[in-house]
Amino acid sequence: MNRLEQFASEYKLRLRKDECGDLMVFAKLGHIYEHGPGAFGVVFSESDRYSNRILLARRRQLVKAGLALHQVGDAESIFLFDPKDVIQGKAVIRAVGAHKKRKQTAGQLCNLKKGPEKMPLQVPGNAAMAGNGSVGLIQHQEGSISSLSVS
């Protein structure tokens, strides 16, 4: 396991490969990558969803956290940080908006095992529904009320 995989497992982050096959932690505002021996990089890049003001504010946050500014653009920037430094690691993850691994609940895992045709209240006309789905209160085998009619 390389250092980026260790970093991702320590902070429960999702890893993906880019088009070149390199492992990266993709995020809302950029990505985290392995820059070299002993250093990781975080790239903040422009997108249609987020304004440049957000990227500039995040840049100021990371400068205050003590990260080394490696490259600066208009709003884009690349920072280098030590993955062993917990404060810098948490600051980077929070600033870039890294995607955490989701942990399924017992109910979600149970529904996955059942299959889509056995799950209640998917679409109108499902066998678990009474009538066409808008009749009134629908009760499951457990006795819980799952939906109300809309008139």
N, C-alpha and C. Protein backbone atom coordinates (compact mmCIF):
# COMPACT_ATOMS: atom_id res chain seq x y z
N MET A 1 0.85 -1.17 0.00
CA MET A 1 0.00 0.00 0.00
C MET A 1 0.90 1.24 0.00
N ASN A 2 0.64 2.14 -0.95
CA ASN A 2 1.48 3.33 -1.01
C ASN A 2 0.99 4.39 -0.02
N ARG A 3 1.68 5.50 0.02
CA ARG A 3 1.40 6.52 1.04
C ARG A 3 0.04 7.20 0.83
N LEU A 4 -0.37 7.39 -0.42
CA LEU A 4 -1.66 8.01 -0.67
C LEU A 4 -2.80 7.09 -0.24
N GLU A 5 -2.64 5.79 -0.44
CA GLU A 5 -3.64 4.84 0.03
C GLU A 5 -3.71 4.83 1.55
N GLN A 6 -2.56 4.93 2.21
CA GLN A 6 -2.54 5.01 3.68
C GLN A 6 -3.24 6.27 4.16
N PHE A 7 -2.95 7.39 3.51
CA PHE A 7 -3.57 8.67 3.86
C PHE A 7 -5.09 8.59 3.69
N ALA A 8 -5.52 8.01 2.57
CA ALA A 8 -6.96 7.90 2.30
C ALA A 8 -7.65 6.97 3.28
N SER A 9 -7.00 5.88 3.65
CA SER A 9 -7.64 4.97 4.61
C SER A 9 -7.65 5.56 6.01
N GLU A 10 -6.63 6.33 6.36
CA GLU A 10 -6.59 6.96 7.68
C GLU A 10 -7.73 7.97 7.85
N TYR A 11 -8.00 8.76 6.80
CA TYR A 11 -9.05 9.78 6.87
C TYR A 11 -10.35 9.33 6.22
N LYS A 12 -10.44 8.05 5.81
CA LYS A 12 -11.64 7.46 5.20
C LYS A 12 -12.09 8.23 3.96
N LEU A 13 -11.15 8.43 3.03
CA LEU A 13 -11.42 9.14 1.79
C LEU A 13 -11.51 8.17 0.62
N ARG A 14 -12.24 8.57 -0.41
CA ARG A 14 -12.38 7.74 -1.60
C ARG A 14 -11.24 8.00 -2.57
N LEU A 15 -10.63 6.92 -3.05
CA LEU A 15 -9.56 7.01 -4.04
C LEU A 15 -10.11 6.63 -5.41
N ARG A 16 -9.60 7.29 -6.44
CA ARG A 16 -9.91 6.94 -7.82
C ARG A 16 -8.66 7.13 -8.65
N LYS A 17 -8.66 6.50 -9.81
CA LYS A 17 -7.56 6.70 -10.74
C LYS A 17 -7.97 7.74 -11.77
N ASP A 18 -7.01 8.59 -12.15
CA ASP A 18 -7.29 9.56 -13.19
C ASP A 18 -7.09 8.91 -14.56
N GLU A 19 -7.15 9.71 -15.62
CA GLU A 19 -7.03 9.14 -16.96
C GLU A 19 -5.65 8.56 -17.25
N CYS A 20 -4.65 8.94 -16.49
CA CYS A 20 -3.30 8.37 -16.65
C CYS A 20 -3.10 7.12 -15.81
N GLY A 21 -4.03 6.83 -14.91
CA GLY A 21 -3.91 5.66 -14.05
C GLY A 21 -3.29 5.96 -12.69
N ASP A 22 -3.05 7.24 -12.39
CA ASP A 22 -2.49 7.62 -11.09
C ASP A 22 -3.62 7.72 -10.07
N LEU A 23 -3.33 7.28 -8.84
CA LEU A 23 -4.31 7.38 -7.76
C LEU A 23 -4.42 8.81 -7.27
N MET A 24 -5.66 9.25 -7.05
CA MET A 24 -5.92 10.59 -6.53
C MET A 24 -7.14 10.54 -5.64
N VAL A 25 -7.21 11.51 -4.74
CA VAL A 25 -8.41 11.73 -3.94
C VAL A 25 -9.13 12.90 -4.59
N PHE A 26 -10.21 12.60 -5.31
CA PHE A 26 -10.96 13.65 -5.98
C PHE A 26 -11.87 14.33 -4.98
N ALA A 27 -12.12 15.63 -5.22
CA ALA A 27 -12.91 16.43 -4.28
C ALA A 27 -13.75 17.43 -5.06
N LYS A 28 -14.54 18.19 -4.32
CA LYS A 28 -15.43 19.17 -4.93
C LYS A 28 -14.66 20.30 -5.61
N LEU A 29 -13.58 20.74 -5.01
CA LEU A 29 -12.84 21.90 -5.53
C LEU A 29 -11.50 21.55 -6.16
N GLY A 30 -11.18 20.28 -6.29
CA GLY A 30 -9.91 19.88 -6.87
C GLY A 30 -9.58 18.44 -6.55
N HIS A 31 -8.31 18.17 -6.26
CA HIS A 31 -7.90 16.81 -5.90
C HIS A 31 -6.61 16.83 -5.10
N ILE A 32 -6.36 15.71 -4.39
CA ILE A 32 -5.13 15.52 -3.62
C ILE A 32 -4.34 14.43 -4.32
N TYR A 33 -3.05 14.64 -4.47
CA TYR A 33 -2.21 13.67 -5.16
C TYR A 33 -0.86 13.56 -4.45
N GLU A 34 -0.08 12.54 -4.83
CA GLU A 34 1.24 12.36 -4.26
C GLU A 34 2.22 13.14 -5.13
N HIS A 35 2.82 14.18 -4.56
CA HIS A 35 3.69 15.07 -5.32
C HIS A 35 5.10 14.53 -5.45
N GLY A 36 5.59 13.94 -4.41
CA GLY A 36 6.95 13.41 -4.42
C GLY A 36 7.24 12.74 -3.09
N PRO A 37 8.51 12.39 -2.87
CA PRO A 37 8.83 11.75 -1.58
C PRO A 37 8.62 12.70 -0.41
N GLY A 38 7.74 12.32 0.49
CA GLY A 38 7.50 13.11 1.69
C GLY A 38 6.55 14.27 1.52
N ALA A 39 5.93 14.41 0.34
CA ALA A 39 5.03 15.56 0.14
C ALA A 39 3.84 15.14 -0.72
N PHE A 40 2.69 15.66 -0.33
CA PHE A 40 1.47 15.53 -1.12
C PHE A 40 1.14 16.90 -1.68
N GLY A 41 0.37 16.91 -2.73
CA GLY A 41 -0.09 18.15 -3.31
C GLY A 41 -1.60 18.20 -3.32
N VAL A 42 -2.13 19.39 -3.23
CA VAL A 42 -3.57 19.60 -3.37
C VAL A 42 -3.77 20.67 -4.44
N VAL A 43 -4.60 20.36 -5.41
CA VAL A 43 -4.87 21.26 -6.53
C VAL A 43 -6.27 21.82 -6.37
N PHE A 44 -6.37 23.13 -6.41
CA PHE A 44 -7.67 23.80 -6.45
C PHE A 44 -7.87 24.26 -7.88
N SER A 45 -8.92 23.79 -8.52
CA SER A 45 -9.15 24.14 -9.92
C SER A 45 -10.53 24.76 -10.10
N GLU A 46 -10.64 25.58 -11.13
CA GLU A 46 -11.90 26.25 -11.43
C GLU A 46 -12.95 25.25 -11.87
N SER A 47 -14.19 25.54 -11.54
CA SER A 47 -15.30 24.74 -12.04
C SER A 47 -16.51 25.65 -12.22
N ASP A 48 -17.51 25.13 -12.91
CA ASP A 48 -18.72 25.91 -13.14
C ASP A 48 -19.57 26.01 -11.88
N ARG A 49 -19.42 25.03 -10.99
CA ARG A 49 -20.26 24.98 -9.78
C ARG A 49 -19.82 25.97 -8.71
N TYR A 50 -18.54 26.29 -8.64
CA TYR A 50 -18.02 27.12 -7.55
C TYR A 50 -17.34 28.36 -8.13
N SER A 51 -17.54 29.47 -7.45
CA SER A 51 -16.97 30.73 -7.93
C SER A 51 -15.50 30.83 -7.55
N ASN A 52 -14.84 31.76 -8.19
CA ASN A 52 -13.43 32.00 -7.89
C ASN A 52 -13.24 32.55 -6.48
N ARG A 53 -14.25 33.23 -5.96
CA ARG A 53 -14.16 33.77 -4.60
C ARG A 53 -13.98 32.65 -3.59
N ILE A 54 -14.67 31.51 -3.82
CA ILE A 54 -14.53 30.37 -2.91
C ILE A 54 -13.11 29.82 -2.98
N LEU A 55 -12.57 29.69 -4.20
CA LEU A 55 -11.20 29.18 -4.34
C LEU A 55 -10.18 30.10 -3.68
N LEU A 56 -10.38 31.40 -3.82
CA LEU A 56 -9.45 32.35 -3.20
C LEU A 56 -9.56 32.32 -1.68
N ALA A 57 -10.78 32.14 -1.17
CA ALA A 57 -10.95 32.05 0.28
C ALA A 57 -10.28 30.78 0.82
N ARG A 58 -10.41 29.68 0.10
CA ARG A 58 -9.76 28.43 0.52
C ARG A 58 -8.25 28.55 0.45
N ARG A 59 -7.75 29.30 -0.53
CA ARG A 59 -6.30 29.53 -0.63
C ARG A 59 -5.80 30.26 0.61
N ARG A 60 -6.54 31.29 1.04
CA ARG A 60 -6.14 32.03 2.23
C ARG A 60 -6.17 31.15 3.48
N GLN A 61 -7.18 30.26 3.58
CA GLN A 61 -7.26 29.35 4.72
C GLN A 61 -6.04 28.44 4.80
N LEU A 62 -5.61 27.91 3.66
CA LEU A 62 -4.48 26.98 3.67
C LEU A 62 -3.16 27.69 3.89
N VAL A 63 -3.04 28.92 3.45
CA VAL A 63 -1.82 29.69 3.75
C VAL A 63 -1.72 29.92 5.25
N LYS A 64 -2.87 30.22 5.89
CA LYS A 64 -2.88 30.41 7.34
C LYS A 64 -2.56 29.11 8.08
N ALA A 65 -2.93 27.97 7.49
CA ALA A 65 -2.67 26.66 8.12
C ALA A 65 -1.21 26.24 7.96
N GLY A 66 -0.42 26.98 7.18
CA GLY A 66 1.00 26.70 7.07
C GLY A 66 1.40 25.84 5.89
N LEU A 67 0.57 25.71 4.89
CA LEU A 67 0.93 24.93 3.71
C LEU A 67 1.81 25.75 2.79
N ALA A 68 2.67 25.07 2.06
CA ALA A 68 3.57 25.75 1.13
C ALA A 68 2.86 25.94 -0.21
N LEU A 69 2.79 27.17 -0.67
CA LEU A 69 2.17 27.48 -1.95
C LEU A 69 3.16 27.16 -3.05
N HIS A 70 2.80 26.22 -3.93
CA HIS A 70 3.71 25.73 -4.97
C HIS A 70 3.50 26.45 -6.29
N GLN A 71 2.24 26.65 -6.67
CA GLN A 71 1.94 27.31 -7.92
C GLN A 71 0.65 28.10 -7.76
N VAL A 72 0.61 29.30 -8.35
CA VAL A 72 -0.53 30.19 -8.20
C VAL A 72 -1.02 30.63 -9.56
N GLY A 73 -2.33 30.54 -9.76
CA GLY A 73 -2.97 31.08 -10.95
C GLY A 73 -3.92 32.18 -10.54
N ASP A 74 -4.87 32.53 -11.42
CA ASP A 74 -5.85 33.55 -11.07
C ASP A 74 -6.63 33.11 -9.84
N ALA A 75 -7.27 31.97 -9.93
CA ALA A 75 -7.99 31.42 -8.78
C ALA A 75 -7.46 30.02 -8.46
N GLU A 76 -6.86 29.36 -9.45
CA GLU A 76 -6.33 28.02 -9.22
C GLU A 76 -5.04 28.12 -8.43
N SER A 77 -4.76 27.07 -7.68
CA SER A 77 -3.51 27.04 -6.93
C SER A 77 -3.16 25.61 -6.58
N ILE A 78 -1.87 25.39 -6.34
CA ILE A 78 -1.36 24.08 -5.91
C ILE A 78 -0.58 24.31 -4.63
N PHE A 79 -0.92 23.53 -3.60
CA PHE A 79 -0.24 23.59 -2.32
C PHE A 79 0.47 22.27 -2.08
N LEU A 80 1.58 22.32 -1.37
CA LEU A 80 2.28 21.12 -0.94
C LEU A 80 2.16 21.02 0.57
N PHE A 81 1.97 19.78 1.06
CA PHE A 81 1.85 19.59 2.50
C PHE A 81 2.43 18.25 2.89
N ASP A 82 2.72 18.13 4.18
CA ASP A 82 3.25 16.89 4.75
C ASP A 82 2.07 16.03 5.18
N PRO A 83 1.95 14.82 4.62
CA PRO A 83 0.80 13.99 4.98
C PRO A 83 0.83 13.49 6.42
N LYS A 84 1.99 13.55 7.07
CA LYS A 84 2.10 13.10 8.46
C LYS A 84 1.62 14.16 9.44
N ASP A 85 1.51 15.40 8.99
CA ASP A 85 1.03 16.49 9.84
C ASP A 85 -0.50 16.44 9.88
N VAL A 86 -1.05 16.10 11.02
CA VAL A 86 -2.51 15.91 11.17
C VAL A 86 -3.26 17.22 10.94
N ILE A 87 -2.75 18.31 11.43
CA ILE A 87 -3.44 19.60 11.30
C ILE A 87 -3.52 20.01 9.83
N GLN A 88 -2.42 19.87 9.10
CA GLN A 88 -2.44 20.21 7.69
C GLN A 88 -3.33 19.25 6.90
N GLY A 89 -3.29 17.97 7.23
CA GLY A 89 -4.12 16.99 6.54
C GLY A 89 -5.59 17.28 6.69
N LYS A 90 -6.03 17.57 7.91
CA LYS A 90 -7.44 17.89 8.14
C LYS A 90 -7.84 19.20 7.47
N ALA A 91 -6.93 20.18 7.48
CA ALA A 91 -7.22 21.47 6.84
C ALA A 91 -7.39 21.29 5.33
N VAL A 92 -6.54 20.47 4.72
CA VAL A 92 -6.63 20.23 3.28
C VAL A 92 -7.93 19.52 2.94
N ILE A 93 -8.26 18.48 3.68
CA ILE A 93 -9.47 17.71 3.41
C ILE A 93 -10.70 18.59 3.52
N ARG A 94 -10.74 19.42 4.53
CA ARG A 94 -11.89 20.31 4.72
C ARG A 94 -11.94 21.38 3.62
N ALA A 95 -10.79 21.94 3.27
CA ALA A 95 -10.77 23.04 2.29
C ALA A 95 -11.09 22.57 0.88
N VAL A 96 -10.60 21.41 0.49
CA VAL A 96 -10.82 20.94 -0.88
C VAL A 96 -12.17 20.24 -1.02
N GLY A 97 -12.78 19.85 0.09
CA GLY A 97 -14.08 19.18 0.05
C GLY A 97 -13.96 17.74 -0.43
N ALA A 98 -13.00 17.01 0.12
CA ALA A 98 -12.77 15.63 -0.31
C ALA A 98 -13.95 14.75 0.05
N HIS A 99 -14.22 13.79 -0.82
CA HIS A 99 -15.35 12.88 -0.64
C HIS A 99 -14.97 11.75 0.31
N LYS A 100 -15.73 11.62 1.37
CA LYS A 100 -15.51 10.55 2.34
C LYS A 100 -16.16 9.26 1.85
N LYS A 101 -15.61 8.13 2.30
CA LYS A 101 -16.25 6.86 2.02
C LYS A 101 -17.53 6.80 2.82
N ARG A 102 -18.59 6.34 2.18
CA ARG A 102 -19.86 6.21 2.88
C ARG A 102 -19.95 4.84 3.51
N LYS A 103 -20.46 4.80 4.71
CA LYS A 103 -20.65 3.53 5.40
C LYS A 103 -22.14 3.22 5.39
N GLN A 104 -22.49 2.04 4.87
CA GLN A 104 -23.88 1.66 4.78
C GLN A 104 -24.41 1.22 6.14
N THR A 105 -25.66 1.55 6.39
CA THR A 105 -26.32 1.10 7.61
C THR A 105 -26.79 -0.34 7.41
N ALA A 106 -27.21 -0.97 8.49
CA ALA A 106 -27.69 -2.35 8.40
C ALA A 106 -28.93 -2.44 7.50
N GLY A 107 -29.79 -1.45 7.55
CA GLY A 107 -30.98 -1.44 6.71
C GLY A 107 -30.64 -1.33 5.23
N GLN A 108 -29.65 -0.50 4.90
CA GLN A 108 -29.23 -0.37 3.50
C GLN A 108 -28.63 -1.68 2.98
N LEU A 109 -27.82 -2.32 3.80
CA LEU A 109 -27.23 -3.60 3.39
C LEU A 109 -28.30 -4.66 3.22
N CYS A 110 -29.31 -4.64 4.08
CA CYS A 110 -30.42 -5.59 3.97
C CYS A 110 -31.18 -5.37 2.66
N ASN A 111 -31.42 -4.11 2.29
CA ASN A 111 -32.10 -3.80 1.04
C ASN A 111 -31.28 -4.22 -0.17
N LEU A 112 -29.96 -4.11 -0.09
CA LEU A 112 -29.12 -4.56 -1.19
C LEU A 112 -29.23 -6.06 -1.39
N LYS A 113 -29.33 -6.79 -0.28
CA LYS A 113 -29.45 -8.24 -0.37
C LYS A 113 -30.80 -8.66 -0.94
N LYS A 114 -31.86 -7.88 -0.64
CA LYS A 114 -33.20 -8.22 -1.11
C LYS A 114 -33.30 -8.10 -2.62
N GLY A 115 -32.68 -7.11 -3.17
CA GLY A 115 -32.82 -6.85 -4.60
C GLY A 115 -33.84 -5.76 -4.83
N PRO A 116 -33.80 -5.10 -5.97
CA PRO A 116 -34.68 -3.94 -6.20
C PRO A 116 -36.16 -4.29 -6.28
N GLU A 117 -36.51 -5.49 -6.74
CA GLU A 117 -37.93 -5.82 -6.88
C GLU A 117 -38.60 -6.11 -5.55
N LYS A 118 -37.83 -6.36 -4.48
CA LYS A 118 -38.41 -6.67 -3.18
C LYS A 118 -38.48 -5.46 -2.25
N MET A 119 -37.85 -4.36 -2.61
CA MET A 119 -37.84 -3.19 -1.73
C MET A 119 -39.17 -2.46 -1.81
N PRO A 120 -39.73 -2.04 -0.69
CA PRO A 120 -41.04 -1.40 -0.69
C PRO A 120 -41.02 0.03 -1.21
N LEU A 121 -42.13 0.44 -1.79
CA LEU A 121 -42.39 1.82 -2.20
C LEU A 121 -41.36 2.39 -3.16
N GLN A 122 -41.07 1.66 -4.23
CA GLN A 122 -40.16 2.19 -5.23
C GLN A 122 -40.89 3.09 -6.22
N VAL A 123 -41.80 2.48 -6.96
CA VAL A 123 -42.52 3.21 -7.98
C VAL A 123 -44.00 2.86 -7.86
N PRO A 124 -44.89 3.69 -8.35
CA PRO A 124 -46.31 3.32 -8.34
C PRO A 124 -46.52 2.02 -9.10
N GLY A 125 -47.38 1.16 -8.53
CA GLY A 125 -47.65 -0.12 -9.15
C GLY A 125 -46.82 -1.24 -8.59
N ASN A 126 -45.93 -0.93 -7.63
CA ASN A 126 -45.12 -1.96 -6.99
C ASN A 126 -46.04 -2.88 -6.19
N ALA A 127 -45.71 -4.17 -6.08
CA ALA A 127 -46.53 -5.15 -5.39
C ALA A 127 -46.68 -4.82 -3.90
N ALA A 128 -45.74 -4.07 -3.32
CA ALA A 128 -45.80 -3.73 -1.91
C ALA A 128 -46.77 -2.60 -1.63
N MET A 129 -47.26 -1.92 -2.67
CA MET A 129 -48.15 -0.78 -2.47
C MET A 129 -49.60 -1.21 -2.50
N ALA A 130 -50.43 -0.47 -1.79
CA ALA A 130 -51.87 -0.73 -1.81
C ALA A 130 -52.50 0.17 -2.86
N GLY A 131 -53.21 -0.38 -3.81
CA GLY A 131 -53.85 0.42 -4.85
C GLY A 131 -52.82 1.02 -5.78
N ASN A 132 -52.99 2.29 -6.09
CA ASN A 132 -52.05 2.94 -7.00
C ASN A 132 -51.02 3.79 -6.25
N GLY A 133 -50.94 3.69 -4.94
CA GLY A 133 -49.95 4.43 -4.18
C GLY A 133 -50.45 5.72 -3.60
N SER A 134 -51.64 6.20 -4.02
CA SER A 134 -52.14 7.46 -3.48
C SER A 134 -53.47 7.25 -2.76
N VAL A 135 -53.75 6.03 -2.32
CA VAL A 135 -55.01 5.70 -1.66
C VAL A 135 -55.07 6.26 -0.26
N GLY A 136 -54.01 6.22 0.47
CA GLY A 136 -54.03 6.69 1.84
C GLY A 136 -52.80 6.21 2.57
N LEU A 137 -52.97 5.86 3.82
CA LEU A 137 -51.85 5.37 4.60
C LEU A 137 -51.52 3.95 4.18
N ILE A 138 -50.24 3.70 4.00
CA ILE A 138 -49.79 2.37 3.59
C ILE A 138 -48.97 1.80 4.73
N GLN A 139 -49.28 0.59 5.12
CA GLN A 139 -48.55 -0.03 6.21
C GLN A 139 -47.79 -1.23 5.69
N HIS A 140 -46.56 -1.38 6.19
CA HIS A 140 -45.71 -2.52 5.83
C HIS A 140 -45.92 -3.66 6.81
N GLN A 141 -45.17 -4.75 6.58
CA GLN A 141 -45.28 -5.90 7.45
C GLN A 141 -44.91 -5.55 8.89
N GLU A 142 -43.97 -4.60 9.08
CA GLU A 142 -43.56 -4.23 10.42
C GLU A 142 -44.61 -3.39 11.15
N GLY A 143 -45.57 -2.86 10.40
CA GLY A 143 -46.61 -2.05 11.01
C GLY A 143 -46.31 -0.58 11.02
N SER A 144 -45.22 -0.13 10.37
CA SER A 144 -44.89 1.28 10.36
C SER A 144 -45.59 1.96 9.20
N ILE A 145 -45.90 3.22 9.37
CA ILE A 145 -46.56 3.99 8.32
C ILE A 145 -45.46 4.62 7.48
N SER A 146 -45.53 4.42 6.15
CA SER A 146 -44.44 4.88 5.32
C SER A 146 -44.78 6.06 4.44
N SER A 147 -46.03 6.30 4.12
CA SER A 147 -46.34 7.46 3.30
C SER A 147 -47.76 7.93 3.53
N LEU A 148 -48.02 9.15 3.18
CA LEU A 148 -49.35 9.75 3.30
C LEU A 148 -49.85 10.08 1.90
N SER A 149 -51.16 10.12 1.74
CA SER A 149 -51.71 10.48 0.44
C SER A 149 -51.60 11.98 0.23
N VAL A 150 -51.46 12.35 -1.00
CA VAL A 150 -51.40 13.75 -1.36
C VAL A 150 -52.63 14.05 -2.18
N SER A 151 -53.46 14.99 -1.68
CA SER A 151 -54.72 15.30 -2.39
C SER A 151 -54.64 16.66 -3.02
